[in-house]
Amino acid sequence: MSTPFFIDHIAVDPPIVLAPMEGVTDRAFRTLVRSLGGCGLAVTEFVSSEGLTREIEASWRMAEIDPGEHPVSIQIYGRDPGRMAQAAAFCQGIGADIVDINLGCPSKTVTTGCAGSALMREPELAAEIFSAVFEAISIPMTVKMRLGWNHEQINAPKIAERAVAIGAKMIAVHGRTKSDGYKGHSRWEMIREVKEAIDVPVLVNGDIIGPEQAWRALELSGADGVMVGRAVMSDPWTLARIACAFRGEDFEDPSIEARRLALHGYLDRVEVDGHFDRKTLMRVKQVVGYFSKGLHQAARLRKGVNLAADFAGVRALVDEFFAFHELRWEVAL
């Protein structure tokens, strides 16, 4: 399955989407994943509509996009229709191709404020938000949701119908409820009810860690594409692996040199962005861990990186690590 799908006029090719992930899918990480292949669309980590409309710098930074990363969707969350509309207009103004509304996040940070997946319990308010956002922008609006609030309130098909009637151009569904969190298994087969209820593309999300799960999720859900999240954190080449499988091709595992070039490209991007706060440093340390996984002396690198006090220290350790591997390879020859 290499057939693209369309969000209004926007082609998603391949039909594989990088999911929004809190503390992960910032601009540098999205750019990195795109460079590895297989990403038809990337979604930002969810951004607070309150933060955007109140001009809070941290929220503005989370919404930053790169000129070369299109198509890109900015996901926003909140429960005030007016502020959600203002935030959506802001996102369009800074170059987003799509605005996505978050009805899927189970995070306490979001649901405590009765936003994210908490809106699955308030379909009327969710519909008000859909309408306000749709009227505020001329780019496509999409919605990401869960199956429902809990197992007694499975209402994704009805909310999806309402969203599409108002103007949503794509629906993504995580095959768990809010009460599930990330426990148990994603019920891909239940997403088929959403697909059968609406006439716009549907994405299946949850527990897709590689080609085998991607194929199975599509088969059970009838969806038009897959949305992949946490698996990319442990293997940044996950989307590329799935894309190869969709094309009927074998995937060649990345060489140490490919890992080095990709990781250095990421570090360069972070350096260009110039935001060297504690949060950024923690993200950089995480990504270094992703790229060294499975390599000789990787545990030693991760230990050193976790103790590093600044970005320069992390970069020096990464350079030392790959220099060691280059020397090791030359000795082996």
C-alpha atoms as a PDB file:
ATOM      1  CA  MET A   1       0.000   0.000   0.000  1.00  0.00           C
ATOM      2  CA  SER A   2       1.876   3.040  -1.246  1.00  0.00           C
ATOM      3  CA  THR A   3      -1.237   4.930  -2.334  1.00  0.00           C
ATOM      4  CA  PRO A   4      -1.321   8.453  -0.903  1.00  0.00           C
ATOM      5  CA  PHE A   5      -4.464   9.903   0.622  1.00  0.00           C
ATOM      6  CA  PHE A   6      -5.536  13.528   0.557  1.00  0.00           C
ATOM      7  CA  ILE A   7      -6.462  15.927   3.336  1.00  0.00           C
ATOM      8  CA  ASP A   8      -8.557  18.236   1.198  1.00  0.00           C
ATOM      9  CA  HIS A   9      -6.001  19.149  -1.511  1.00  0.00           C
ATOM     10  CA  ILE A  10      -2.907  18.073   0.456  1.00  0.00           C
ATOM     11  CA  ALA A  11      -1.355  14.743  -0.528  1.00  0.00           C
ATOM     12  CA  VAL A  12      -0.011  12.576   2.290  1.00  0.00           C
ATOM     13  CA  ASP A  13       2.540  10.425   0.494  1.00  0.00           C
ATOM     14  CA  PRO A  14       3.468   7.942   1.789  1.00  0.00           C
ATOM     15  CA  PRO A  15       0.289   7.425   3.881  1.00  0.00           C
ATOM     16  CA  ILE A  16       2.306   7.500   7.108  1.00  0.00           C
ATOM     17  CA  VAL A  17       2.027  10.283   9.688  1.00  0.00           C
ATOM     18  CA  LEU A  18       4.348  11.168  12.553  1.00  0.00           C
ATOM     19  CA  ALA A  19       2.071  11.497  15.589  1.00  0.00           C
ATOM     20  CA  PRO A  20       2.100  14.511  17.910  1.00  0.00           C
ATOM     21  CA  MET A  21       4.065  13.644  21.042  1.00  0.00           C
ATOM     22  CA  GLU A  22       4.524  15.850  24.071  1.00  0.00           C
ATOM     23  CA  GLY A  23       8.163  16.705  24.638  1.00  0.00           C
ATOM     24  CA  VAL A  24       9.239  14.861  21.488  1.00  0.00           C
ATOM     25  CA  THR A  25       7.965  16.196  18.159  1.00  0.00           C
ATOM     26  CA  ASP A  26       9.550  19.631  18.236  1.00  0.00           C
ATOM     27  CA  ARG A  27      10.877  21.213  15.052  1.00  0.00           C
ATOM     28  CA  ALA A  28      14.333  19.657  15.256  1.00  0.00           C
ATOM     29  CA  PHE A  29      12.992  16.133  15.818  1.00  0.00           C
ATOM     30  CA  ARG A  30      10.389  16.414  13.052  1.00  0.00           C
ATOM     31  CA  THR A  31      13.069  17.620  10.634  1.00  0.00           C
ATOM     32  CA  LEU A  32      15.262  14.712  11.654  1.00  0.00           C
ATOM     33  CA  VAL A  33      12.560  12.075  11.108  1.00  0.00           C
ATOM     34  CA  ARG A  34      11.667  13.556   7.728  1.00  0.00           C
ATOM     35  CA  SER A  35      15.297  13.345   6.638  1.00  0.00           C
ATOM     36  CA  LEU A  36      15.261   9.580   7.280  1.00  0.00           C
ATOM     37  CA  GLY A  37      12.333   8.982   4.901  1.00  0.00           C
ATOM     38  CA  GLY A  38       8.830   7.563   5.153  1.00  0.00           C
ATOM     39  CA  CYS A  39       7.090  10.599   6.641  1.00  0.00           C
ATOM     40  CA  GLY A  40       4.123  11.808   4.585  1.00  0.00           C
ATOM     41  CA  LEU A  41       2.996  14.317   7.227  1.00  0.00           C
ATOM     42  CA  ALA A  42       4.331  15.446  10.599  1.00  0.00           C
ATOM     43  CA  VAL A  43       2.293  16.855  13.476  1.00  0.00           C
ATOM     44  CA  THR A  44       3.709  19.159  16.142  1.00  0.00           C
ATOM     45  CA  GLU A  45       3.490  18.340  19.813  1.00  0.00           C
ATOM     46  CA  PHE A  46       0.196  19.693  21.117  1.00  0.00           C
ATOM     47  CA  VAL A  47       0.212  23.435  21.742  1.00  0.00           C
ATOM     48  CA  SER A  48      -1.986  25.248  24.245  1.00  0.00           C
ATOM     49  CA  SER A  49      -4.472  27.636  22.667  1.00  0.00           C
ATOM     50  CA  GLU A  50      -4.306  29.668  25.870  1.00  0.00           C
ATOM     51  CA  GLY A  51      -0.531  29.911  25.539  1.00  0.00           C
ATOM     52  CA  LEU A  52      -0.664  30.971  21.894  1.00  0.00           C
ATOM     53  CA  THR A  53      -3.361  33.598  22.362  1.00  0.00           C
ATOM     54  CA  ARG A  54      -1.731  34.997  25.497  1.00  0.00           C
ATOM     55  CA  GLU A  55       1.578  35.246  23.626  1.00  0.00           C
ATOM     56  CA  ILE A  56       3.493  32.926  25.938  1.00  0.00           C
ATOM     57  CA  GLU A  57       6.955  32.368  24.449  1.00  0.00           C
ATOM     58  CA  ALA A  58       7.123  28.658  25.255  1.00  0.00           C
ATOM     59  CA  SER A  59       3.908  28.035  23.311  1.00  0.00           C
ATOM     60  CA  TRP A  60       5.095  30.089  20.357  1.00  0.00           C
ATOM     61  CA  ARG A  61       8.296  28.065  20.230  1.00  0.00           C
ATOM     62  CA  MET A  62       6.346  24.787  20.247  1.00  0.00           C
ATOM     63  CA  ALA A  63       4.449  25.992  17.179  1.00  0.00           C
ATOM     64  CA  GLU A  64       7.559  26.883  15.189  1.00  0.00           C
ATOM     65  CA  ILE A  65       7.817  25.135  11.840  1.00  0.00           C
ATOM     66  CA  ASP A  66      10.656  24.816   9.357  1.00  0.00           C
ATOM     67  CA  PRO A  67      10.325  26.072   5.751  1.00  0.00           C
ATOM     68  CA  GLY A  68      11.409  22.656   4.483  1.00  0.00           C
ATOM     69  CA  GLU A  69       9.087  20.423   6.505  1.00  0.00           C
ATOM     70  CA  HIS A  70       5.838  20.739   4.582  1.00  0.00           C
ATOM     71  CA  PRO A  71       3.259  19.376   4.760  1.00  0.00           C
ATOM     72  CA  VAL A  72       3.059  19.976   8.496  1.00  0.00           C
ATOM     73  CA  SER A  73       0.136  20.140  10.899  1.00  0.00           C
ATOM     74  CA  ILE A  74       0.046  22.132  14.125  1.00  0.00           C
ATOM     75  CA  GLN A  75      -2.037  20.490  16.828  1.00  0.00           C
ATOM     76  CA  ILE A  76      -3.780  22.763  19.316  1.00  0.00           C
ATOM     77  CA  TYR A  77      -5.742  22.026  22.466  1.00  0.00           C
ATOM     78  CA  GLY A  78      -8.105  23.900  24.756  1.00  0.00           C
ATOM     79  CA  ARG A  79     -11.799  24.151  25.650  1.00  0.00           C
ATOM     80  CA  ASP A  80     -12.596  27.769  24.846  1.00  0.00           C
ATOM     81  CA  PRO A  81     -13.959  27.928  21.273  1.00  0.00           C
ATOM     82  CA  GLY A  82     -12.940  31.561  20.858  1.00  0.00           C
ATOM     83  CA  ARG A  83      -9.360  31.013  21.933  1.00  0.00           C
ATOM     84  CA  MET A  84      -9.116  27.836  19.854  1.00  0.00           C
ATOM     85  CA  ALA A  85     -10.245  29.842  16.818  1.00  0.00           C
ATOM     86  CA  GLN A  86      -7.673  32.575  17.509  1.00  0.00           C
ATOM     87  CA  ALA A  87      -4.946  29.968  17.979  1.00  0.00           C
ATOM     88  CA  ALA A  88      -5.902  28.236  14.723  1.00  0.00           C
ATOM     89  CA  ALA A  89      -5.703  31.540  12.841  1.00  0.00           C
ATOM     90  CA  PHE A  90      -2.267  32.139  14.344  1.00  0.00           C
ATOM     91  CA  CYS A  91      -1.106  28.702  13.190  1.00  0.00           C
ATOM     92  CA  GLN A  92      -2.296  29.400   9.662  1.00  0.00           C
ATOM     93  CA  GLY A  93      -0.488  32.733   9.786  1.00  0.00           C
ATOM     94  CA  ILE A  94       2.880  31.167  10.597  1.00  0.00           C
ATOM     95  CA  GLY A  95       2.656  28.683   7.744  1.00  0.00           C
ATOM     96  CA  ALA A  96       0.867  25.562   8.954  1.00  0.00           C
ATOM     97  CA  ASP A  97      -0.666  23.475   6.182  1.00  0.00           C
ATOM     98  CA  ILE A  98      -3.234  21.943   8.538  1.00  0.00           C
ATOM     99  CA  VAL A  99      -4.619  22.678  11.997  1.00  0.00           C
ATOM    100  CA  ASP A 100      -5.398  19.613  14.113  1.00  0.00           C
ATOM    101  CA  ILE A 101      -7.704  19.661  17.133  1.00  0.00           C
ATOM    102  CA  ASN A 102      -6.668  17.520  20.071  1.00  0.00           C
ATOM    103  CA  LEU A 103      -9.409  15.280  21.457  1.00  0.00           C
ATOM    104  CA  GLY A 104      -6.989  12.427  22.045  1.00  0.00           C
ATOM    105  CA  CYS A 105      -4.437  13.374  24.660  1.00  0.00           C
ATOM    106  CA  PRO A 106      -4.919  11.501  27.958  1.00  0.00           C
ATOM    107  CA  SER A 107      -2.244  13.572  29.737  1.00  0.00           C
ATOM    108  CA  LYS A 108      -3.243  14.963  33.136  1.00  0.00           C
ATOM    109  CA  THR A 109      -1.732  18.298  32.051  1.00  0.00           C
ATOM    110  CA  VAL A 110      -4.407  18.538  29.362  1.00  0.00           C
ATOM    111  CA  THR A 111      -7.381  16.641  30.754  1.00  0.00           C
ATOM    112  CA  THR A 112      -7.218  18.358  34.149  1.00  0.00           C
ATOM    113  CA  GLY A 113      -8.182  21.500  32.251  1.00  0.00           C
ATOM    114  CA  CYS A 114     -11.027  19.531  30.627  1.00  0.00           C
ATOM    115  CA  ALA A 115      -9.381  19.597  27.202  1.00  0.00           C
ATOM    116  CA  GLY A 116      -7.846  16.868  25.036  1.00  0.00           C
ATOM    117  CA  SER A 117      -9.608  13.534  25.479  1.00  0.00           C
ATOM    118  CA  ALA A 118     -11.765  15.065  28.238  1.00  0.00           C
ATOM    119  CA  LEU A 119     -13.762  16.655  25.405  1.00  0.00           C
ATOM    120  CA  MET A 120     -14.944  13.173  24.405  1.00  0.00           C
ATOM    121  CA  ARG A 121     -17.312  13.567  27.376  1.00  0.00           C
ATOM    122  CA  GLU A 122     -18.599  16.892  26.047  1.00  0.00           C
ATOM    123  CA  PRO A 123     -19.562  16.376  22.400  1.00  0.00           C
ATOM    124  CA  GLU A 124     -21.583  19.589  22.248  1.00  0.00           C
ATOM    125  CA  LEU A 125     -18.623  21.690  23.366  1.00  0.00           C
ATOM    126  CA  ALA A 126     -16.368  19.759  20.993  1.00  0.00           C
ATOM    127  CA  ALA A 127     -18.739  20.648  18.141  1.00  0.00           C
ATOM    128  CA  GLU A 128     -18.617  24.339  19.133  1.00  0.00           C
ATOM    129  CA  ILE A 129     -14.827  24.172  18.960  1.00  0.00           C
ATOM    130  CA  PHE A 130     -14.922  22.474  15.555  1.00  0.00           C
ATOM    131  CA  SER A 131     -17.208  25.192  14.210  1.00  0.00           C
ATOM    132  CA  ALA A 132     -15.165  28.067  15.643  1.00  0.00           C
ATOM    133  CA  VAL A 133     -11.891  26.714  14.289  1.00  0.00           C
ATOM    134  CA  PHE A 134     -13.339  25.841  10.885  1.00  0.00           C
ATOM    135  CA  GLU A 135     -14.712  29.373  10.459  1.00  0.00           C
ATOM    136  CA  ALA A 136     -11.393  30.945  11.511  1.00  0.00           C
ATOM    137  CA  ILE A 137      -9.120  29.315   8.907  1.00  0.00           C
ATOM    138  CA  SER A 138      -8.985  28.562   5.203  1.00  0.00           C
ATOM    139  CA  ILE A 139      -6.549  25.641   5.521  1.00  0.00           C
ATOM    140  CA  PRO A 140      -7.826  22.129   6.364  1.00  0.00           C
ATOM    141  CA  MET A 141      -8.983  21.295   9.889  1.00  0.00           C
ATOM    142  CA  THR A 142      -8.485  17.771  11.204  1.00  0.00           C
ATOM    143  CA  VAL A 143      -9.263  16.056  14.517  1.00  0.00           C
ATOM    144  CA  LYS A 144      -7.365  13.462  16.538  1.00  0.00           C
ATOM    145  CA  MET A 145      -9.361  11.497  19.108  1.00  0.00           C
ATOM    146  CA  ARG A 146      -9.573   8.336  21.170  1.00  0.00           C
ATOM    147  CA  LEU A 147     -12.320   5.721  21.047  1.00  0.00           C
ATOM    148  CA  GLY A 148     -14.057   7.461  23.928  1.00  0.00           C
ATOM    149  CA  TRP A 149     -13.626   8.495  27.550  1.00  0.00           C
ATOM    150  CA  ASN A 150     -13.946   4.947  28.871  1.00  0.00           C
ATOM    151  CA  HIS A 151     -15.361   1.570  27.814  1.00  0.00           C
ATOM    152  CA  GLU A 152     -18.901   2.642  28.694  1.00  0.00           C
ATOM    153  CA  GLN A 153     -18.583   5.784  26.552  1.00  0.00           C
ATOM    154  CA  ILE A 154     -17.305   4.705  23.130  1.00  0.00           C
ATOM    155  CA  ASN A 155     -18.440   7.631  20.999  1.00  0.00           C
ATOM    156  CA  ALA A 156     -15.661   8.216  18.453  1.00  0.00           C
ATOM    157  CA  PRO A 157     -17.934   7.416  15.449  1.00  0.00           C
ATOM    158  CA  LYS A 158     -20.544   9.981  16.494  1.00  0.00           C
ATOM    159  CA  ILE A 159     -18.001  12.710  17.287  1.00  0.00           C
ATOM    160  CA  ALA A 160     -16.200  12.001  14.013  1.00  0.00           C
ATOM    161  CA  GLU A 161     -19.501  12.336  12.128  1.00  0.00           C
ATOM    162  CA  ARG A 162     -20.133  15.677  13.824  1.00  0.00           C
ATOM    163  CA  ALA A 163     -16.610  16.909  13.050  1.00  0.00           C
ATOM    164  CA  VAL A 164     -16.856  15.960   9.378  1.00  0.00           C
ATOM    165  CA  ALA A 165     -20.320  17.513   9.035  1.00  0.00           C
ATOM    166  CA  ILE A 166     -18.825  20.775  10.290  1.00  0.00           C
ATOM    167  CA  GLY A 167     -15.821  20.598   7.965  1.00  0.00           C
ATOM    168  CA  ALA A 168     -13.054  18.313   9.265  1.00  0.00           C
ATOM    169  CA  LYS A 169     -11.023  16.851   6.399  1.00  0.00           C
ATOM    170  CA  MET A 170      -9.397  13.927   8.233  1.00  0.00           C
ATOM    171  CA  ILE A 171      -9.883  12.021  11.487  1.00  0.00           C
ATOM    172  CA  ALA A 172      -7.155  10.167  13.388  1.00  0.00           C
ATOM    173  CA  VAL A 173      -8.200   7.653  16.039  1.00  0.00           C
ATOM    174  CA  HIS A 174      -6.095   6.052  18.748  1.00  0.00           C
ATOM    175  CA  GLY A 175      -7.557   2.631  19.479  1.00  0.00           C
ATOM    176  CA  ARG A 176      -7.783   3.122  23.243  1.00  0.00           C
ATOM    177  CA  THR A 177     -10.035   5.139  25.527  1.00  0.00           C
ATOM    178  CA  LYS A 178      -8.823   7.925  27.786  1.00  0.00           C
ATOM    179  CA  SER A 179      -9.209   5.649  30.815  1.00  0.00           C
ATOM    180  CA  ASP A 180      -6.917   3.087  29.162  1.00  0.00           C
ATOM    181  CA  GLY A 181      -4.032   5.529  28.983  1.00  0.00           C
ATOM    182  CA  TYR A 182      -1.405   3.373  27.279  1.00  0.00           C
ATOM    183  CA  LYS A 183      -2.362   0.139  29.024  1.00  0.00           C
ATOM    184  CA  GLY A 184      -3.575  -2.947  27.213  1.00  0.00           C
ATOM    185  CA  HIS A 185      -3.703  -3.047  23.425  1.00  0.00           C
ATOM    186  CA  SER A 186      -4.943  -0.652  20.790  1.00  0.00           C
ATOM    187  CA  ARG A 187      -8.248  -1.981  19.397  1.00  0.00           C
ATOM    188  CA  TRP A 188      -7.721  -1.267  15.725  1.00  0.00           C
ATOM    189  CA  GLU A 189     -10.858  -3.149  14.730  1.00  0.00           C
ATOM    190  CA  MET A 190     -13.041  -0.627  16.578  1.00  0.00           C
ATOM    191  CA  ILE A 191     -11.724   2.164  14.378  1.00  0.00           C
ATOM    192  CA  ARG A 192     -13.524   0.553  11.429  1.00  0.00           C
ATOM    193  CA  GLU A 193     -16.785   1.977  12.832  1.00  0.00           C
ATOM    194  CA  VAL A 194     -15.345   5.466  12.448  1.00  0.00           C
ATOM    195  CA  LYS A 195     -14.183   4.741   8.903  1.00  0.00           C
ATOM    196  CA  GLU A 196     -17.626   3.463   7.934  1.00  0.00           C
ATOM    197  CA  ALA A 197     -19.368   6.485   9.467  1.00  0.00           C
ATOM    198  CA  ILE A 198     -17.555   9.223   7.510  1.00  0.00           C
ATOM    199  CA  ASP A 199     -16.350   9.977   4.004  1.00  0.00           C
ATOM    200  CA  VAL A 200     -12.963  11.598   4.707  1.00  0.00           C
ATOM    201  CA  PRO A 201      -9.621   9.836   5.338  1.00  0.00           C
ATOM    202  CA  VAL A 202      -9.123   8.055   8.650  1.00  0.00           C
ATOM    203  CA  LEU A 203      -5.816   7.293  10.343  1.00  0.00           C
ATOM    204  CA  VAL A 204      -5.299   4.341  12.676  1.00  0.00           C
ATOM    205  CA  ASN A 205      -3.037   5.025  15.654  1.00  0.00           C
ATOM    206  CA  GLY A 206      -1.710   3.081  18.623  1.00  0.00           C
ATOM    207  CA  ASP A 207       0.794   0.216  19.013  1.00  0.00           C
ATOM    208  CA  ILE A 208       2.125   0.496  15.466  1.00  0.00           C
ATOM    209  CA  ILE A 209       5.791  -0.330  15.986  1.00  0.00           C
ATOM    210  CA  GLY A 210       6.751  -1.599  12.550  1.00  0.00           C
ATOM    211  CA  PRO A 211       5.577  -2.892   9.167  1.00  0.00           C
ATOM    212  CA  GLU A 212       3.794  -5.967  10.529  1.00  0.00           C
ATOM    213  CA  GLN A 213       1.656  -3.931  12.905  1.00  0.00           C
ATOM    214  CA  ALA A 214       1.034  -1.261  10.245  1.00  0.00           C
ATOM    215  CA  TRP A 215      -0.357  -3.823   7.800  1.00  0.00           C
ATOM    216  CA  ARG A 216      -2.493  -5.457  10.474  1.00  0.00           C
ATOM    217  CA  ALA A 217      -3.827  -2.123  11.759  1.00  0.00           C
ATOM    218  CA  LEU A 218      -4.883  -1.123   8.243  1.00  0.00           C
ATOM    219  CA  GLU A 219      -6.504  -4.485   7.631  1.00  0.00           C
ATOM    220  CA  LEU A 220      -8.572  -4.415  10.820  1.00  0.00           C
ATOM    221  CA  SER A 221      -9.521  -0.745  10.752  1.00  0.00           C
ATOM    222  CA  GLY A 222     -10.015  -0.144   7.042  1.00  0.00           C
ATOM    223  CA  ALA A 223      -8.123   3.134   7.560  1.00  0.00           C
ATOM    224  CA  ASP A 224      -6.451   5.139   4.809  1.00  0.00           C
ATOM    225  CA  GLY A 225      -3.109   5.463   6.568  1.00  0.00           C
ATOM    226  CA  VAL A 226      -1.228   4.971   9.800  1.00  0.00           C
ATOM    227  CA  MET A 227      -0.147   7.408  12.487  1.00  0.00           C
ATOM    228  CA  VAL A 228       2.971   6.308  14.359  1.00  0.00           C
ATOM    229  CA  GLY A 229       4.190   7.738  17.654  1.00  0.00           C
ATOM    230  CA  ARG A 230       6.125   6.108  20.457  1.00  0.00           C
ATOM    231  CA  ALA A 231       7.902   3.549  18.238  1.00  0.00           C
ATOM    232  CA  VAL A 232       9.794   6.397  16.572  1.00  0.00           C
ATOM    233  CA  MET A 233      11.308   7.291  19.926  1.00  0.00           C
ATOM    234  CA  SER A 234      13.098   3.949  20.150  1.00  0.00           C
ATOM    235  CA  ASP A 235      13.802   3.685  16.402  1.00  0.00           C
ATOM    236  CA  PRO A 236      13.765   6.942  14.383  1.00  0.00           C
ATOM    237  CA  TRP A 237      13.793   4.863  11.180  1.00  0.00           C
ATOM    238  CA  THR A 238      10.389   3.284  11.973  1.00  0.00           C
ATOM    239  CA  LEU A 239       8.510   5.355   9.379  1.00  0.00           C
ATOM    240  CA  ALA A 240      11.120   4.535   6.735  1.00  0.00           C
ATOM    241  CA  ARG A 241      10.790   0.822   7.537  1.00  0.00           C
ATOM    242  CA  ILE A 242       7.009   0.959   7.153  1.00  0.00           C
ATOM    243  CA  ALA A 243       7.263   2.963   3.915  1.00  0.00           C
ATOM    244  CA  CYS A 244       9.599   0.354   2.416  1.00  0.00           C
ATOM    245  CA  ALA A 245       7.168  -2.406   3.348  1.00  0.00           C
ATOM    246  CA  PHE A 246       4.285  -0.483   1.771  1.00  0.00           C
ATOM    247  CA  ARG A 247       6.310  -0.262  -1.454  1.00  0.00           C
ATOM    248  CA  GLY A 248       7.166  -3.969  -1.306  1.00  0.00           C
ATOM    249  CA  GLU A 249      10.850  -3.261  -0.738  1.00  0.00           C
ATOM    250  CA  ASP A 250      13.351  -4.533   1.810  1.00  0.00           C
ATOM    251  CA  PHE A 251      14.663  -2.049   4.355  1.00  0.00           C
ATOM    252  CA  GLU A 252      18.405  -1.822   4.865  1.00  0.00           C
ATOM    253  CA  ASP A 253      19.347  -1.135   8.472  1.00  0.00           C
ATOM    254  CA  PRO A 254      21.196   2.167   8.850  1.00  0.00           C
ATOM    255  CA  SER A 255      24.983   1.971   9.030  1.00  0.00           C
ATOM    256  CA  ILE A 256      26.948   3.615  11.803  1.00  0.00           C
ATOM    257  CA  GLU A 257      27.873   6.344   9.325  1.00  0.00           C
ATOM    258  CA  ALA A 258      24.202   6.936   8.517  1.00  0.00           C
ATOM    259  CA  ARG A 259      23.462   7.206  12.228  1.00  0.00           C
ATOM    260  CA  ARG A 260      26.340   9.651  12.675  1.00  0.00           C
ATOM    261  CA  LEU A 261      25.213  11.887   9.816  1.00  0.00           C
ATOM    262  CA  ALA A 262      21.580  11.894  10.948  1.00  0.00           C
ATOM    263  CA  LEU A 263      22.437  12.656  14.567  1.00  0.00           C
ATOM    264  CA  HIS A 264      24.871  15.412  13.610  1.00  0.00           C
ATOM    265  CA  GLY A 265      22.202  16.912  11.370  1.00  0.00           C
ATOM    266  CA  TYR A 266      19.834  16.949  14.331  1.00  0.00           C
ATOM    267  CA  LEU A 267      22.418  18.570  16.608  1.00  0.00           C
ATOM    268  CA  ASP A 268      23.124  21.180  13.947  1.00  0.00           C
ATOM    269  CA  ARG A 269      19.398  21.960  13.778  1.00  0.00           C
ATOM    270  CA  VAL A 270      19.213  22.395  17.563  1.00  0.00           C
ATOM    271  CA  GLU A 271      22.264  24.648  17.470  1.00  0.00           C
ATOM    272  CA  VAL A 272      20.742  26.814  14.737  1.00  0.00           C
ATOM    273  CA  ASP A 273      17.524  27.146  16.740  1.00  0.00           C
ATOM    274  CA  GLY A 274      19.593  28.419  19.640  1.00  0.00           C
ATOM    275  CA  HIS A 275      17.168  27.527  22.464  1.00  0.00           C
ATOM    276  CA  PHE A 276      19.486  26.027  25.072  1.00  0.00           C
ATOM    277  CA  ASP A 277      17.259  25.715  28.113  1.00  0.00           C
ATOM    278  CA  ARG A 278      16.991  22.689  30.400  1.00  0.00           C
ATOM    279  CA  LYS A 279      14.032  21.270  28.480  1.00  0.00           C
ATOM    280  CA  THR A 280      15.953  21.376  25.192  1.00  0.00           C
ATOM    281  CA  LEU A 281      18.964  19.714  26.763  1.00  0.00           C
ATOM    282  CA  MET A 282      16.797  16.866  28.051  1.00  0.00           C
ATOM    283  CA  ARG A 283      15.329  16.344  24.579  1.00  0.00           C
ATOM    284  CA  VAL A 284      18.773  16.250  23.002  1.00  0.00           C
ATOM    285  CA  LYS A 285      19.877  13.628  25.511  1.00  0.00           C
ATOM    286  CA  GLN A 286      16.831  11.507  24.666  1.00  0.00           C
ATOM    287  CA  VAL A 287      17.515  11.662  20.926  1.00  0.00           C
ATOM    288  CA  VAL A 288      21.156  10.686  21.404  1.00  0.00           C
ATOM    289  CA  GLY A 289      19.865   7.630  23.236  1.00  0.00           C
ATOM    290  CA  TYR A 290      17.575   6.741  20.318  1.00  0.00           C
ATOM    291  CA  PHE A 291      20.416   6.868  17.796  1.00  0.00           C
ATOM    292  CA  SER A 292      22.955   4.917  19.790  1.00  0.00           C
ATOM    293  CA  LYS A 293      20.603   2.077  20.689  1.00  0.00           C
ATOM    294  CA  GLY A 294      22.136  -1.316  19.942  1.00  0.00           C
ATOM    295  CA  LEU A 295      25.629  -0.002  19.202  1.00  0.00           C
ATOM    296  CA  HIS A 296      28.809  -1.031  21.010  1.00  0.00           C
ATOM    297  CA  GLN A 297      29.452   1.184  24.071  1.00  0.00           C
ATOM    298  CA  ALA A 298      26.016   2.818  23.714  1.00  0.00           C
ATOM    299  CA  ALA A 299      25.263   2.428  27.434  1.00  0.00           C
ATOM    300  CA  ARG A 300      28.487   4.239  28.247  1.00  0.00           C
ATOM    301  CA  LEU A 301      27.567   7.072  25.872  1.00  0.00           C
ATOM    302  CA  ARG A 302      24.094   7.425  27.375  1.00  0.00           C
ATOM    303  CA  LYS A 303      25.517   7.520  30.885  1.00  0.00           C
ATOM    304  CA  GLY A 304      27.968  10.254  29.924  1.00  0.00           C
ATOM    305  CA  VAL A 305      25.353  12.254  28.049  1.00  0.00           C
ATOM    306  CA  ASN A 306      22.924  12.082  30.968  1.00  0.00           C
ATOM    307  CA  LEU A 307      25.600  13.605  33.203  1.00  0.00           C
ATOM    308  CA  ALA A 308      26.545  16.343  30.722  1.00  0.00           C
ATOM    309  CA  ALA A 309      25.838  19.842  31.959  1.00  0.00           C
ATOM    310  CA  ASP A 310      25.327  21.553  28.614  1.00  0.00           C
ATOM    311  CA  PHE A 311      24.828  21.119  24.878  1.00  0.00           C
ATOM    312  CA  ALA A 312      28.548  21.447  24.118  1.00  0.00           C
ATOM    313  CA  GLY A 313      29.271  18.579  26.487  1.00  0.00           C
ATOM    314  CA  VAL A 314      26.705  16.342  24.785  1.00  0.00           C
ATOM    315  CA  ARG A 315      28.098  17.156  21.348  1.00  0.00           C
ATOM    316  CA  ALA A 316      31.659  16.392  22.441  1.00  0.00           C
ATOM    317  CA  LEU A 317      30.595  12.985  23.757  1.00  0.00           C
ATOM    318  CA  VAL A 318      28.744  12.185  20.533  1.00  0.00           C
ATOM    319  CA  ASP A 319      31.815  13.134  18.458  1.00  0.00           C
ATOM    320  CA  GLU A 320      34.001  10.959  20.661  1.00  0.00           C
ATOM    321  CA  PHE A 321      31.588   8.030  20.395  1.00  0.00           C
ATOM    322  CA  PHE A 322      31.476   8.004  16.599  1.00  0.00           C
ATOM    323  CA  ALA A 323      35.228   8.618  16.324  1.00  0.00           C
ATOM    324  CA  PHE A 324      35.679   5.488  18.431  1.00  0.00           C
ATOM    325  CA  HIS A 325      33.414   3.512  16.093  1.00  0.00           C
ATOM    326  CA  GLU A 326      35.232   4.814  13.019  1.00  0.00           C
ATOM    327  CA  LEU A 327      38.577   3.742  14.475  1.00  0.00           C
ATOM    328  CA  ARG A 328      37.114   0.388  15.481  1.00  0.00           C
ATOM    329  CA  TRP A 329      35.911  -0.154  11.910  1.00  0.00           C
ATOM    330  CA  GLU A 330      39.319   0.757  10.434  1.00  0.00           C
ATOM    331  CA  VAL A 331      41.084  -1.648  12.803  1.00  0.00           C
ATOM    332  CA  ALA A 332      38.655  -4.409  11.822  1.00  0.00           C
ATOM    333  CA  LEU A 333      39.530  -3.870   8.153  1.00  0.00           C
END
